[in-house]
Amino acid sequence: MTEKIVLDPDSAVAPYEQLRAQLSELARSGALPVGHRLPTVRGFAEELGLAANTVAKAYRALEADGVIETRGRNGTFVAAAGGAAEQRAAAAAQRYAETAERLGLSREQALALARDAVRAAYDR
């Protein structure tokens, strides 16, 4: 699996975030299909030359995002996450829209702020 993951040690982006982003994209694109079993934290850390805590942090973030699921001693698997991730994002967007409206922002202002935030997050 490590042939699909490329970590840049000179990047300003933390290794766990590089790993999280790449695994998320592999799952979203279908390169890692739903139900695919991921390596253990320790095994993956060894493969990648990372500390186990780094891989564990990436796995925790992916699980919180609904991209992977841990099934106890059975291991960690790619979840049917597209729906879960989209649902969480939609709920966050709904909360933002309601807050912006309560604050008296116009639709155009709220959309401009959301676009700026998305652009900033994705252009890191």
PDB file of N, CA and C in Angstrom:
ATOM      1  N   MET A   1       0.826  -1.203   0.000  1.00  0.00           N
ATOM      2  CA  MET A   1       0.000   0.000   0.000  1.00  0.00           C
ATOM      3  C   MET A   1       0.861   1.255   0.000  1.00  0.00           C
ATOM      4  N   THR A   2       2.067   1.142   0.502  1.00  0.00           N
ATOM      5  CA  THR A   2       2.909   2.331   0.594  1.00  0.00           C
ATOM      6  C   THR A   2       3.244   2.922  -0.768  1.00  0.00           C
ATOM      7  N   GLU A   3       3.119   2.127  -1.844  1.00  0.00           N
ATOM      8  CA  GLU A   3       3.396   2.682  -3.167  1.00  0.00           C
ATOM      9  C   GLU A   3       2.385   3.760  -3.546  1.00  0.00           C
ATOM     10  N   LYS A   4       1.241   3.785  -2.899  1.00  0.00           N
ATOM     11  CA  LYS A   4       0.213   4.796  -3.171  1.00  0.00           C
ATOM     12  C   LYS A   4       0.394   6.044  -2.312  1.00  0.00           C
ATOM     13  N   ILE A   5       1.176   5.936  -1.249  1.00  0.00           N
ATOM     14  CA  ILE A   5       1.362   7.036  -0.302  1.00  0.00           C
ATOM     15  C   ILE A   5       2.760   7.623  -0.495  1.00  0.00           C
ATOM     16  N   VAL A   6       2.812   8.924  -0.741  1.00  0.00           N
ATOM     17  CA  VAL A   6       4.096   9.611  -0.897  1.00  0.00           C
ATOM     18  C   VAL A   6       4.132  10.768   0.094  1.00  0.00           C
ATOM     19  N   LEU A   7       5.012  10.661   1.075  1.00  0.00           N
ATOM     20  CA  LEU A   7       5.149  11.703   2.083  1.00  0.00           C
ATOM     21  C   LEU A   7       6.380  12.546   1.768  1.00  0.00           C
ATOM     22  N   ASP A   8       6.224  13.845   1.863  1.00  0.00           N
ATOM     23  CA  ASP A   8       7.310  14.774   1.587  1.00  0.00           C
ATOM     24  C   ASP A   8       7.879  15.273   2.913  1.00  0.00           C
ATOM     25  N   PRO A   9       9.084  14.819   3.281  1.00  0.00           N
ATOM     26  CA  PRO A   9       9.651  15.234   4.569  1.00  0.00           C
ATOM     27  C   PRO A   9       9.990  16.721   4.622  1.00  0.00           C
ATOM     28  N   ASP A  10      10.106  17.367   3.465  1.00  0.00           N
ATOM     29  CA  ASP A  10      10.433  18.793   3.421  1.00  0.00           C
ATOM     30  C   ASP A  10       9.196  19.686   3.382  1.00  0.00           C
ATOM     31  N   SER A  11       8.014  19.075   3.370  1.00  0.00           N
ATOM     32  CA  SER A  11       6.774  19.834   3.290  1.00  0.00           C
ATOM     33  C   SER A  11       6.482  20.550   4.604  1.00  0.00           C
ATOM     34  N   ALA A  12       5.838  21.699   4.500  1.00  0.00           N
ATOM     35  CA  ALA A  12       5.386  22.417   5.692  1.00  0.00           C
ATOM     36  C   ALA A  12       4.173  21.729   6.312  1.00  0.00           C
ATOM     37  N   VAL A  13       3.551  20.830   5.567  1.00  0.00           N
ATOM     38  CA  VAL A  13       2.378  20.089   6.047  1.00  0.00           C
ATOM     39  C   VAL A  13       2.867  18.915   6.895  1.00  0.00           C
ATOM     40  N   ALA A  14       2.288  18.775   8.075  1.00  0.00           N
ATOM     41  CA  ALA A  14       2.687  17.717   9.006  1.00  0.00           C
ATOM     42  C   ALA A  14       2.501  16.336   8.367  1.00  0.00           C
ATOM     43  N   PRO A  15       3.381  15.380   8.683  1.00  0.00           N
ATOM     44  CA  PRO A  15       3.265  14.038   8.099  1.00  0.00           C
ATOM     45  C   PRO A  15       1.906  13.379   8.321  1.00  0.00           C
ATOM     46  N   TYR A  16       1.331  13.538   9.534  1.00  0.00           N
ATOM     47  CA  TYR A  16       0.021  12.912   9.767  1.00  0.00           C
ATOM     48  C   TYR A  16      -1.029  13.511   8.840  1.00  0.00           C
ATOM     49  N   GLU A  17      -0.934  14.817   8.549  1.00  0.00           N
ATOM     50  CA  GLU A  17      -1.905  15.471   7.677  1.00  0.00           C
ATOM     51  C   GLU A  17      -1.694  15.043   6.231  1.00  0.00           C
ATOM     52  N   GLN A  18      -0.459  14.870   5.823  1.00  0.00           N
ATOM     53  CA  GLN A  18      -0.186  14.353   4.483  1.00  0.00           C
ATOM     54  C   GLN A  18      -0.794  12.963   4.332  1.00  0.00           C
ATOM     55  N   LEU A  19      -0.582  12.118   5.338  1.00  0.00           N
ATOM     56  CA  LEU A  19      -1.124  10.762   5.320  1.00  0.00           C
ATOM     57  C   LEU A  19      -2.642  10.790   5.322  1.00  0.00           C
ATOM     58  N   ARG A  20      -3.228  11.607   6.199  1.00  0.00           N
ATOM     59  CA  ARG A  20      -4.685  11.703   6.276  1.00  0.00           C
ATOM     60  C   ARG A  20      -5.275  12.129   4.942  1.00  0.00           C
ATOM     61  N   ALA A  21      -4.704  13.170   4.339  1.00  0.00           N
ATOM     62  CA  ALA A  21      -5.236  13.700   3.083  1.00  0.00           C
ATOM     63  C   ALA A  21      -5.131  12.670   1.958  1.00  0.00           C
ATOM     64  N   GLN A  22      -3.997  11.968   1.894  1.00  0.00           N
ATOM     65  CA  GLN A  22      -3.819  10.992   0.821  1.00  0.00           C
ATOM     66  C   GLN A  22      -4.730   9.780   0.987  1.00  0.00           C
ATOM     67  N   LEU A  23      -4.862   9.281   2.217  1.00  0.00           N
ATOM     68  CA  LEU A  23      -5.771   8.157   2.444  1.00  0.00           C
ATOM     69  C   LEU A  23      -7.219   8.560   2.161  1.00  0.00           C
ATOM     70  N   SER A  24      -7.580   9.765   2.553  1.00  0.00           N
ATOM     71  CA  SER A  24      -8.926  10.254   2.294  1.00  0.00           C
ATOM     72  C   SER A  24      -9.197  10.307   0.790  1.00  0.00           C
ATOM     73  N   GLU A  25      -8.249  10.829   0.032  1.00  0.00           N
ATOM     74  CA  GLU A  25      -8.412  10.919  -1.421  1.00  0.00           C
ATOM     75  C   GLU A  25      -8.457   9.536  -2.061  1.00  0.00           C
ATOM     76  N   LEU A  26      -7.609   8.619  -1.596  1.00  0.00           N
ATOM     77  CA  LEU A  26      -7.627   7.256  -2.135  1.00  0.00           C
ATOM     78  C   LEU A  26      -8.975   6.584  -1.878  1.00  0.00           C
ATOM     79  N   ALA A  27      -9.542   6.812  -0.699  1.00  0.00           N
ATOM     80  CA  ALA A  27     -10.852   6.241  -0.376  1.00  0.00           C
ATOM     81  C   ALA A  27     -11.945   6.902  -1.214  1.00  0.00           C
ATOM     82  N   ARG A  28     -11.887   8.228  -1.333  1.00  0.00           N
ATOM     83  CA  ARG A  28     -12.906   8.960  -2.084  1.00  0.00           C
ATOM     84  C   ARG A  28     -12.878   8.584  -3.575  1.00  0.00           C
ATOM     85  N   SER A  29     -11.684   8.372  -4.118  1.00  0.00           N
ATOM     86  CA  SER A  29     -11.553   8.062  -5.540  1.00  0.00           C
ATOM     87  C   SER A  29     -11.887   6.610  -5.865  1.00  0.00           C
ATOM     88  N   GLY A  30     -11.933   5.771  -4.825  1.00  0.00           N
ATOM     89  CA  GLY A  30     -12.202   4.362  -5.049  1.00  0.00           C
ATOM     90  C   GLY A  30     -10.938   3.529  -5.190  1.00  0.00           C
ATOM     91  N   ALA A  31      -9.764   4.173  -5.182  1.00  0.00           N
ATOM     92  CA  ALA A  31      -8.504   3.428  -5.256  1.00  0.00           C
ATOM     93  C   ALA A  31      -8.356   2.515  -4.042  1.00  0.00           C
ATOM     94  N   LEU A  32      -8.910   2.944  -2.918  1.00  0.00           N
ATOM     95  CA  LEU A  32      -9.069   2.078  -1.745  1.00  0.00           C
ATOM     96  C   LEU A  32     -10.568   1.844  -1.611  1.00  0.00           C
ATOM     97  N   PRO A  33     -11.049   0.700  -2.022  1.00  0.00           N
ATOM     98  CA  PRO A  33     -12.498   0.468  -2.039  1.00  0.00           C
ATOM     99  C   PRO A  33     -13.094   0.299  -0.646  1.00  0.00           C
ATOM    100  N   VAL A  34     -14.376   0.532  -0.544  1.00  0.00           N
ATOM    101  CA  VAL A  34     -15.098   0.324   0.704  1.00  0.00           C
ATOM    102  C   VAL A  34     -14.838  -1.109   1.167  1.00  0.00           C
ATOM    103  N   GLY A  35     -14.522  -1.239   2.444  1.00  0.00           N
ATOM    104  CA  GLY A  35     -14.253  -2.552   3.018  1.00  0.00           C
ATOM    105  C   GLY A  35     -12.800  -2.967   2.971  1.00  0.00           C
ATOM    106  N   HIS A  36     -11.964  -2.200   2.275  1.00  0.00           N
ATOM    107  CA  HIS A  36     -10.531  -2.524   2.212  1.00  0.00           C
ATOM    108  C   HIS A  36      -9.927  -2.421   3.601  1.00  0.00           C
ATOM    109  N   ARG A  37      -9.198  -3.447   3.987  1.00  0.00           N
ATOM    110  CA  ARG A  37      -8.573  -3.445   5.311  1.00  0.00           C
ATOM    111  C   ARG A  37      -7.255  -2.681   5.243  1.00  0.00           C
ATOM    112  N   LEU A  38      -7.103  -1.712   6.136  1.00  0.00           N
ATOM    113  CA  LEU A  38      -5.880  -0.928   6.213  1.00  0.00           C
ATOM    114  C   LEU A  38      -4.872  -1.648   7.099  1.00  0.00           C
ATOM    115  N   PRO A  39      -3.589  -1.353   6.902  1.00  0.00           N
ATOM    116  CA  PRO A  39      -2.580  -1.960   7.770  1.00  0.00           C
ATOM    117  C   PRO A  39      -2.774  -1.510   9.222  1.00  0.00           C
ATOM    118  N   THR A  40      -2.217  -2.288  10.131  1.00  0.00           N
ATOM    119  CA  THR A  40      -2.240  -1.874  11.535  1.00  0.00           C
ATOM    120  C   THR A  40      -1.442  -0.583  11.675  1.00  0.00           C
ATOM    121  N   VAL A  41      -1.697   0.133  12.738  1.00  0.00           N
ATOM    122  CA  VAL A  41      -0.979   1.384  12.977  1.00  0.00           C
ATOM    123  C   VAL A  41       0.530   1.117  13.004  1.00  0.00           C
ATOM    124  N   ARG A  42       0.940   0.138  13.780  1.00  0.00           N
ATOM    125  CA  ARG A  42       2.377  -0.153  13.894  1.00  0.00           C
ATOM    126  C   ARG A  42       2.972  -0.623  12.572  1.00  0.00           C
ATOM    127  N   GLY A  43       2.262  -1.504  11.893  1.00  0.00           N
ATOM    128  CA  GLY A  43       2.757  -2.005  10.617  1.00  0.00           C
ATOM    129  C   GLY A  43       2.881  -0.911   9.575  1.00  0.00           C
ATOM    130  N   PHE A  44       1.886  -0.050   9.518  1.00  0.00           N
ATOM    131  CA  PHE A  44       1.898   1.039   8.547  1.00  0.00           C
ATOM    132  C   PHE A  44       2.994   2.046   8.893  1.00  0.00           C
ATOM    133  N   ALA A  45       3.162   2.307  10.178  1.00  0.00           N
ATOM    134  CA  ALA A  45       4.218   3.225  10.614  1.00  0.00           C
ATOM    135  C   ALA A  45       5.583   2.692  10.174  1.00  0.00           C
ATOM    136  N   GLU A  46       5.794   1.392  10.330  1.00  0.00           N
ATOM    137  CA  GLU A  46       7.067   0.794   9.902  1.00  0.00           C
ATOM    138  C   GLU A  46       7.250   0.919   8.395  1.00  0.00           C
ATOM    139  N   GLU A  47       6.192   0.612   7.637  1.00  0.00           N
ATOM    140  CA  GLU A  47       6.260   0.710   6.173  1.00  0.00           C
ATOM    141  C   GLU A  47       6.627   2.119   5.714  1.00  0.00           C
ATOM    142  N   LEU A  48       6.041   3.109   6.385  1.00  0.00           N
ATOM    143  CA  LEU A  48       6.218   4.500   5.975  1.00  0.00           C
ATOM    144  C   LEU A  48       7.412   5.182   6.636  1.00  0.00           C
ATOM    145  N   GLY A  49       7.996   4.529   7.620  1.00  0.00           N
ATOM    146  CA  GLY A  49       9.105   5.144   8.345  1.00  0.00           C
ATOM    147  C   GLY A  49       8.648   6.280   9.246  1.00  0.00           C
ATOM    148  N   LEU A  50       7.457   6.130   9.816  1.00  0.00           N
ATOM    149  CA  LEU A  50       6.881   7.142  10.705  1.00  0.00           C
ATOM    150  C   LEU A  50       6.737   6.579  12.109  1.00  0.00           C
ATOM    151  N   ALA A  51       6.520   7.454  13.052  1.00  0.00           N
ATOM    152  CA  ALA A  51       6.203   7.024  14.414  1.00  0.00           C
ATOM    153  C   ALA A  51       4.770   6.481  14.431  1.00  0.00           C
ATOM    154  N   ALA A  52       4.539   5.489  15.264  1.00  0.00           N
ATOM    155  CA  ALA A  52       3.197   4.906  15.368  1.00  0.00           C
ATOM    156  C   ALA A  52       2.171   5.964  15.755  1.00  0.00           C
ATOM    157  N   ASN A  53       2.550   6.915  16.612  1.00  0.00           N
ATOM    158  CA  ASN A  53       1.619   7.970  17.017  1.00  0.00           C
ATOM    159  C   ASN A  53       1.180   8.832  15.833  1.00  0.00           C
ATOM    160  N   THR A  54       2.063   9.010  14.847  1.00  0.00           N
ATOM    161  CA  THR A  54       1.730   9.805  13.666  1.00  0.00           C
ATOM    162  C   THR A  54       0.633   9.119  12.859  1.00  0.00           C
ATOM    163  N   VAL A  55       0.791   7.827  12.641  1.00  0.00           N
ATOM    164  CA  VAL A  55      -0.218   7.058  11.898  1.00  0.00           C
ATOM    165  C   VAL A  55      -1.514   6.997  12.707  1.00  0.00           C
ATOM    166  N   ALA A  56      -1.404   6.797  14.018  1.00  0.00           N
ATOM    167  CA  ALA A  56      -2.598   6.735  14.867  1.00  0.00           C
ATOM    168  C   ALA A  56      -3.371   8.048  14.803  1.00  0.00           C
ATOM    169  N   LYS A  57      -2.657   9.160  14.783  1.00  0.00           N
ATOM    170  CA  LYS A  57      -3.324  10.469  14.703  1.00  0.00           C
ATOM    171  C   LYS A  57      -4.066  10.616  13.375  1.00  0.00           C
ATOM    172  N   ALA A  58      -3.448  10.171  12.292  1.00  0.00           N
ATOM    173  CA  ALA A  58      -4.112  10.223  10.976  1.00  0.00           C
ATOM    174  C   ALA A  58      -5.345   9.322  10.975  1.00  0.00           C
ATOM    175  N   TYR A  59      -5.219   8.125  11.520  1.00  0.00           N
ATOM    176  CA  TYR A  59      -6.358   7.202  11.580  1.00  0.00           C
ATOM    177  C   TYR A  59      -7.501   7.795  12.408  1.00  0.00           C
ATOM    178  N   ARG A  60      -7.161   8.425  13.548  1.00  0.00           N
ATOM    179  CA  ARG A  60      -8.217   9.026  14.384  1.00  0.00           C
ATOM    180  C   ARG A  60      -8.956  10.122  13.614  1.00  0.00           C
ATOM    181  N   ALA A  61      -8.208  10.948  12.894  1.00  0.00           N
ATOM    182  CA  ALA A  61      -8.827  12.028  12.111  1.00  0.00           C
ATOM    183  C   ALA A  61      -9.703  11.444  11.008  1.00  0.00           C
ATOM    184  N   LEU A  62      -9.233  10.404  10.343  1.00  0.00           N
ATOM    185  CA  LEU A  62     -10.022   9.768   9.277  1.00  0.00           C
ATOM    186  C   LEU A  62     -11.278   9.109   9.838  1.00  0.00           C
ATOM    187  N   GLU A  63     -11.153   8.531  11.014  1.00  0.00           N
ATOM    188  CA  GLU A  63     -12.330   7.912  11.635  1.00  0.00           C
ATOM    189  C   GLU A  63     -13.346   8.986  12.027  1.00  0.00           C
ATOM    190  N   ALA A  64     -12.859  10.099  12.565  1.00  0.00           N
ATOM    191  CA  ALA A  64     -13.756  11.199  12.935  1.00  0.00           C
ATOM    192  C   ALA A  64     -14.470  11.757  11.698  1.00  0.00           C
ATOM    193  N   ASP A  65     -13.803  11.711  10.554  1.00  0.00           N
ATOM    194  CA  ASP A  65     -14.397  12.197   9.309  1.00  0.00           C
ATOM    195  C   ASP A  65     -15.294  11.162   8.640  1.00  0.00           C
ATOM    196  N   GLY A  66     -15.334   9.945   9.186  1.00  0.00           N
ATOM    197  CA  GLY A  66     -16.176   8.902   8.604  1.00  0.00           C
ATOM    198  C   GLY A  66     -15.556   8.211   7.409  1.00  0.00           C
ATOM    199  N   VAL A  67     -14.267   8.387   7.188  1.00  0.00           N
ATOM    200  CA  VAL A  67     -13.603   7.776   6.032  1.00  0.00           C
ATOM    201  C   VAL A  67     -13.218   6.328   6.331  1.00  0.00           C
ATOM    202  N   ILE A  68     -12.810   6.068   7.560  1.00  0.00           N
ATOM    203  CA  ILE A  68     -12.461   4.709   7.960  1.00  0.00           C
ATOM    204  C   ILE A  68     -13.234   4.348   9.215  1.00  0.00           C
ATOM    205  N   GLU A  69     -13.257   3.047   9.502  1.00  0.00           N
ATOM    206  CA  GLU A  69     -13.899   2.587  10.731  1.00  0.00           C
ATOM    207  C   GLU A  69     -13.052   1.484  11.346  1.00  0.00           C
ATOM    208  N   THR A  70     -12.939   1.529  12.658  1.00  0.00           N
ATOM    209  CA  THR A  70     -12.190   0.510  13.377  1.00  0.00           C
ATOM    210  C   THR A  70     -13.183  -0.486  13.942  1.00  0.00           C
ATOM    211  N   ARG A  71     -12.902  -1.745  13.689  1.00  0.00           N
ATOM    212  CA  ARG A  71     -13.777  -2.820  14.167  1.00  0.00           C
ATOM    213  C   ARG A  71     -13.058  -3.649  15.220  1.00  0.00           C
ATOM    214  N   GLY A  72     -12.612  -2.954  16.260  1.00  0.00           N
ATOM    215  CA  GLY A  72     -11.942  -3.629  17.368  1.00  0.00           C
ATOM    216  C   GLY A  72     -10.747  -4.429  16.901  1.00  0.00           C
ATOM    217  N   ARG A  73     -10.664  -5.677  17.346  1.00  0.00           N
ATOM    218  CA  ARG A  73      -9.530  -6.539  17.009  1.00  0.00           C
ATOM    219  C   ARG A  73      -9.548  -6.976  15.541  1.00  0.00           C
ATOM    220  N   ASN A  74     -10.641  -6.748  14.858  1.00  0.00           N
ATOM    221  CA  ASN A  74     -10.727  -7.154  13.452  1.00  0.00           C
ATOM    222  C   ASN A  74      -9.947  -6.232  12.529  1.00  0.00           C
ATOM    223  N   GLY A  75      -9.663  -5.013  12.977  1.00  0.00           N
ATOM    224  CA  GLY A  75      -8.854  -4.107  12.185  1.00  0.00           C
ATOM    225  C   GLY A  75      -9.570  -2.825  11.806  1.00  0.00           C
ATOM    226  N   THR A  76      -8.942  -2.111  10.899  1.00  0.00           N
ATOM    227  CA  THR A  76      -9.424  -0.821  10.429  1.00  0.00           C
ATOM    228  C   THR A  76      -9.718  -0.935   8.938  1.00  0.00           C
ATOM    229  N   PHE A  77     -10.877  -0.442   8.537  1.00  0.00           N
ATOM    230  CA  PHE A  77     -11.354  -0.625   7.164  1.00  0.00           C
ATOM    231  C   PHE A  77     -11.830   0.697   6.574  1.00  0.00           C
ATOM    232  N   VAL A  78     -11.790   0.769   5.244  1.00  0.00           N
ATOM    233  CA  VAL A  78     -12.356   1.920   4.541  1.00  0.00           C
ATOM    234  C   VAL A  78     -13.871   1.814   4.696  1.00  0.00           C
ATOM    235  N   ALA A  79     -14.466   2.885   5.185  1.00  0.00           N
ATOM    236  CA  ALA A  79     -15.913   2.913   5.425  1.00  0.00           C
ATOM    237  C   ALA A  79     -16.640   3.366   4.160  1.00  0.00           C
ATOM    238  N   ALA A  80     -17.929   3.153   4.157  1.00  0.00           N
ATOM    239  CA  ALA A  80     -18.776   3.712   3.112  1.00  0.00           C
ATOM    240  C   ALA A  80     -18.910   5.182   3.461  1.00  0.00           C
ATOM    241  N   ALA A  81     -17.811   5.911   3.292  1.00  0.00           N
ATOM    242  CA  ALA A  81     -17.660   7.225   3.902  1.00  0.00           C
ATOM    243  C   ALA A  81     -18.182   8.374   3.081  1.00  0.00           C
ATOM    244  N   GLY A  82     -18.302   8.191   1.774  1.00  0.00           N
ATOM    245  CA  GLY A  82     -18.758   9.328   0.985  1.00  0.00           C
ATOM    246  C   GLY A  82     -20.011   9.927   1.580  1.00  0.00           C
ATOM    247  N   GLY A  83     -20.971   9.073   1.890  1.00  0.00           N
ATOM    248  CA  GLY A  83     -22.211   9.560   2.451  1.00  0.00           C
ATOM    249  C   GLY A  83     -22.033  10.178   3.823  1.00  0.00           C
ATOM    250  N   ALA A  84     -21.257   9.530   4.679  1.00  0.00           N
ATOM    251  CA  ALA A  84     -21.062  10.040   6.037  1.00  0.00           C
ATOM    252  C   ALA A  84     -20.316  11.368   6.019  1.00  0.00           C
ATOM    253  N   ALA A  85     -19.265  11.441   5.210  1.00  0.00           N
ATOM    254  CA  ALA A  85     -18.494  12.681   5.139  1.00  0.00           C
ATOM    255  C   ALA A  85     -19.348  13.814   4.585  1.00  0.00           C
ATOM    256  N   GLU A  86     -20.101  13.519   3.549  1.00  0.00           N
ATOM    257  CA  GLU A  86     -20.968  14.547   2.961  1.00  0.00           C
ATOM    258  C   GLU A  86     -22.055  14.977   3.934  1.00  0.00           C
ATOM    259  N   GLN A  87     -22.581  14.043   4.701  1.00  0.00           N
ATOM    260  CA  GLN A  87     -23.605  14.389   5.689  1.00  0.00           C
ATOM    261  C   GLN A  87     -23.040  15.318   6.759  1.00  0.00           C
ATOM    262  N   ARG A  88     -21.830  15.024   7.233  1.00  0.00           N
ATOM    263  CA  ARG A  88     -21.212  15.879   8.248  1.00  0.00           C
ATOM    264  C   ARG A  88     -20.929  17.265   7.686  1.00  0.00           C
ATOM    265  N   ALA A  89     -20.441  17.315   6.441  1.00  0.00           N
ATOM    266  CA  ALA A  89     -20.152  18.605   5.817  1.00  0.00           C
ATOM    267  C   ALA A  89     -21.444  19.388   5.601  1.00  0.00           C
ATOM    268  N   ALA A  90     -22.504  18.708   5.178  1.00  0.00           N
ATOM    269  CA  ALA A  90     -23.786  19.379   4.964  1.00  0.00           C
ATOM    270  C   ALA A  90     -24.341  19.936   6.277  1.00  0.00           C
ATOM    271  N   ALA A  91     -24.185  19.182   7.360  1.00  0.00           N
ATOM    272  CA  ALA A  91     -24.653  19.657   8.659  1.00  0.00           C
ATOM    273  C   ALA A  91     -23.865  20.888   9.097  1.00  0.00           C
ATOM    274  N   ALA A  92     -22.543  20.867   8.862  1.00  0.00           N
ATOM    275  CA  ALA A  92     -21.719  22.030   9.210  1.00  0.00           C
ATOM    276  C   ALA A  92     -22.108  23.230   8.359  1.00  0.00           C
ATOM    277  N   ALA A  93     -22.372  22.998   7.082  1.00  0.00           N
ATOM    278  CA  ALA A  93     -22.778  24.089   6.192  1.00  0.00           C
ATOM    279  C   ALA A  93     -24.123  24.667   6.630  1.00  0.00           C
ATOM    280  N   GLN A  94     -25.032  23.812   7.057  1.00  0.00           N
ATOM    281  CA  GLN A  94     -26.339  24.268   7.531  1.00  0.00           C
ATOM    282  C   GLN A  94     -26.184  25.152   8.766  1.00  0.00           C
ATOM    283  N   ARG A  95     -25.338  24.704   9.704  1.00  0.00           N
ATOM    284  CA  ARG A  95     -25.096  25.515  10.910  1.00  0.00           C
ATOM    285  C   ARG A  95     -24.492  26.864  10.537  1.00  0.00           C
ATOM    286  N   TYR A  96     -23.568  26.864   9.588  1.00  0.00           N
ATOM    287  CA  TYR A  96     -22.949  28.123   9.143  1.00  0.00           C
ATOM    288  C   TYR A  96     -24.010  29.044   8.537  1.00  0.00           C
ATOM    289  N   ALA A  97     -24.845  28.507   7.660  1.00  0.00           N
ATOM    290  CA  ALA A  97     -25.865  29.328   7.003  1.00  0.00           C
ATOM    291  C   ALA A  97     -26.823  29.936   8.022  1.00  0.00           C
ATOM    292  N   GLU A  98     -27.223  29.142   9.000  1.00  0.00           N
ATOM    293  CA  GLU A  98     -28.136  29.645  10.035  1.00  0.00           C
ATOM    294  C   GLU A  98     -27.459  30.732  10.869  1.00  0.00           C
ATOM    295  N   THR A  99     -26.194  30.537  11.189  1.00  0.00           N
ATOM    296  CA  THR A  99     -25.454  31.544  11.963  1.00  0.00           C
ATOM    297  C   THR A  99     -25.307  32.832  11.164  1.00  0.00           C
ATOM    298  N   ALA A 100     -24.933  32.709   9.895  1.00  0.00           N
ATOM    299  CA  ALA A 100     -24.757  33.893   9.046  1.00  0.00           C
ATOM    300  C   ALA A 100     -26.065  34.672   8.935  1.00  0.00           C
ATOM    301  N   GLU A 101     -27.173  33.963   8.801  1.00  0.00           N
ATOM    302  CA  GLU A 101     -28.478  34.633   8.708  1.00  0.00           C
ATOM    303  C   GLU A 101     -28.807  35.355  10.017  1.00  0.00           C
ATOM    304  N   ARG A 102     -28.576  34.675  11.152  1.00  0.00           N
ATOM    305  CA  ARG A 102     -28.838  35.299  12.458  1.00  0.00           C
ATOM    306  C   ARG A 102     -27.993  36.550  12.662  1.00  0.00           C
ATOM    307  N   LEU A 103     -26.788  36.556  12.115  1.00  0.00           N
ATOM    308  CA  LEU A 103     -25.896  37.706  12.242  1.00  0.00           C
ATOM    309  C   LEU A 103     -26.264  38.849  11.296  1.00  0.00           C
ATOM    310  N   GLY A 104     -27.244  38.601  10.445  1.00  0.00           N
ATOM    311  CA  GLY A 104     -27.705  39.647   9.543  1.00  0.00           C
ATOM    312  C   GLY A 104     -26.912  39.781   8.255  1.00  0.00           C
ATOM    313  N   LEU A 105     -26.100  38.780   7.931  1.00  0.00           N
ATOM    314  CA  LEU A 105     -25.349  38.841   6.674  1.00  0.00           C
ATOM    315  C   LEU A 105     -26.277  38.569   5.497  1.00  0.00           C
ATOM    316  N   SER A 106     -25.987  39.206   4.387  1.00  0.00           N
ATOM    317  CA  SER A 106     -26.756  38.918   3.174  1.00  0.00           C
ATOM    318  C   SER A 106     -26.316  37.557   2.634  1.00  0.00           C
ATOM    319  N   ARG A 107     -27.107  36.992   1.750  1.00  0.00           N
ATOM    320  CA  ARG A 107     -26.759  35.723   1.116  1.00  0.00           C
ATOM    321  C   ARG A 107     -25.406  35.830   0.419  1.00  0.00           C
ATOM    322  N   GLU A 108     -25.203  36.957  -0.283  1.00  0.00           N
ATOM    323  CA  GLU A 108     -23.961  37.163  -1.025  1.00  0.00           C
ATOM    324  C   GLU A 108     -22.764  37.238  -0.074  1.00  0.00           C
ATOM    325  N   GLN A 109     -22.934  37.937   1.054  1.00  0.00           N
ATOM    326  CA  GLN A 109     -21.844  38.018   2.033  1.00  0.00           C
ATOM    327  C   GLN A 109     -21.515  36.643   2.606  1.00  0.00           C
ATOM    328  N   ALA A 110     -22.550  35.896   2.964  1.00  0.00           N
ATOM    329  CA  ALA A 110     -22.344  34.567   3.541  1.00  0.00           C
ATOM    330  C   ALA A 110     -21.641  33.654   2.542  1.00  0.00           C
ATOM    331  N   LEU A 111     -22.072  33.684   1.285  1.00  0.00           N
ATOM    332  CA  LEU A 111     -21.437  32.849   0.267  1.00  0.00           C
ATOM    333  C   LEU A 111     -19.991  33.266   0.020  1.00  0.00           C
ATOM    334  N   ALA A 112     -19.730  34.569   0.003  1.00  0.00           N
ATOM    335  CA  ALA A 112     -18.362  35.053  -0.210  1.00  0.00           C
ATOM    336  C   ALA A 112     -17.450  34.587   0.921  1.00  0.00           C
ATOM    337  N   LEU A 113     -17.934  34.671   2.159  1.00  0.00           N
ATOM    338  CA  LEU A 113     -17.139  34.218   3.300  1.00  0.00           C
ATOM    339  C   LEU A 113     -16.889  32.710   3.239  1.00  0.00           C
ATOM    340  N   ALA A 114     -17.907  31.956   2.864  1.00  0.00           N
ATOM    341  CA  ALA A 114     -17.749  30.505   2.753  1.00  0.00           C
ATOM    342  C   ALA A 114     -16.764  30.159   1.641  1.00  0.00           C
ATOM    343  N   ARG A 115     -16.867  30.829   0.498  1.00  0.00           N
ATOM    344  CA  ARG A 115     -15.924  30.586  -0.603  1.00  0.00           C
ATOM    345  C   ARG A 115     -14.492  30.890  -0.172  1.00  0.00           C
ATOM    346  N   ASP A 116     -14.303  32.005   0.542  1.00  0.00           N
ATOM    347  CA  ASP A 116     -12.970  32.373   1.011  1.00  0.00           C
ATOM    348  C   ASP A 116     -12.415  31.314   1.971  1.00  0.00           C
ATOM    349  N   ALA A 117     -13.265  30.827   2.862  1.00  0.00           N
ATOM    350  CA  ALA A 117     -12.822  29.816   3.827  1.00  0.00           C
ATOM    351  C   ALA A 117     -12.455  28.512   3.115  1.00  0.00           C
ATOM    352  N   VAL A 118     -13.264  28.101   2.158  1.00  0.00           N
ATOM    353  CA  VAL A 118     -12.975  26.873   1.415  1.00  0.00           C
ATOM    354  C   VAL A 118     -11.688  27.041   0.608  1.00  0.00           C
ATOM    355  N   ARG A 119     -11.545  28.169  -0.044  1.00  0.00           N
ATOM    356  CA  ARG A 119     -10.329  28.436  -0.832  1.00  0.00           C
ATOM    357  C   ARG A 119      -9.097  28.383   0.083  1.00  0.00           C
ATOM    358  N   ALA A 120      -9.180  29.006   1.241  1.00  0.00           N
ATOM    359  CA  ALA A 120      -8.046  29.017   2.170  1.00  0.00           C
ATOM    360  C   ALA A 120      -7.709  27.604   2.647  1.00  0.00           C
ATOM    361  N   ALA A 121      -8.731  26.807   2.936  1.00  0.00           N
ATOM    362  CA  ALA A 121      -8.499  25.451   3.423  1.00  0.00           C
ATOM    363  C   ALA A 121      -7.888  24.554   2.348  1.00  0.00           C
ATOM    364  N   TYR A 122      -8.363  24.674   1.124  1.00  0.00           N
ATOM    365  CA  TYR A 122      -7.899  23.790   0.065  1.00  0.00           C
ATOM    366  C   TYR A 122      -6.598  24.261  -0.584  1.00  0.00           C
ATOM    367  N   ASP A 123      -6.231  25.511  -0.398  1.00  0.00           N
ATOM    368  CA  ASP A 123      -5.012  26.026  -1.020  1.00  0.00           C
ATOM    369  C   ASP A 123      -3.805  26.013  -0.087  1.00  0.00           C
ATOM    370  N   ARG A 124      -3.936  25.345   1.051  1.00  0.00           N
ATOM    371  CA  ARG A 124      -2.807  25.287   1.996  1.00  0.00           C
ATOM    372  C   ARG A 124      -1.651  24.566   1.389  1.00  0.00           C
TER     373      ARG A 124
END
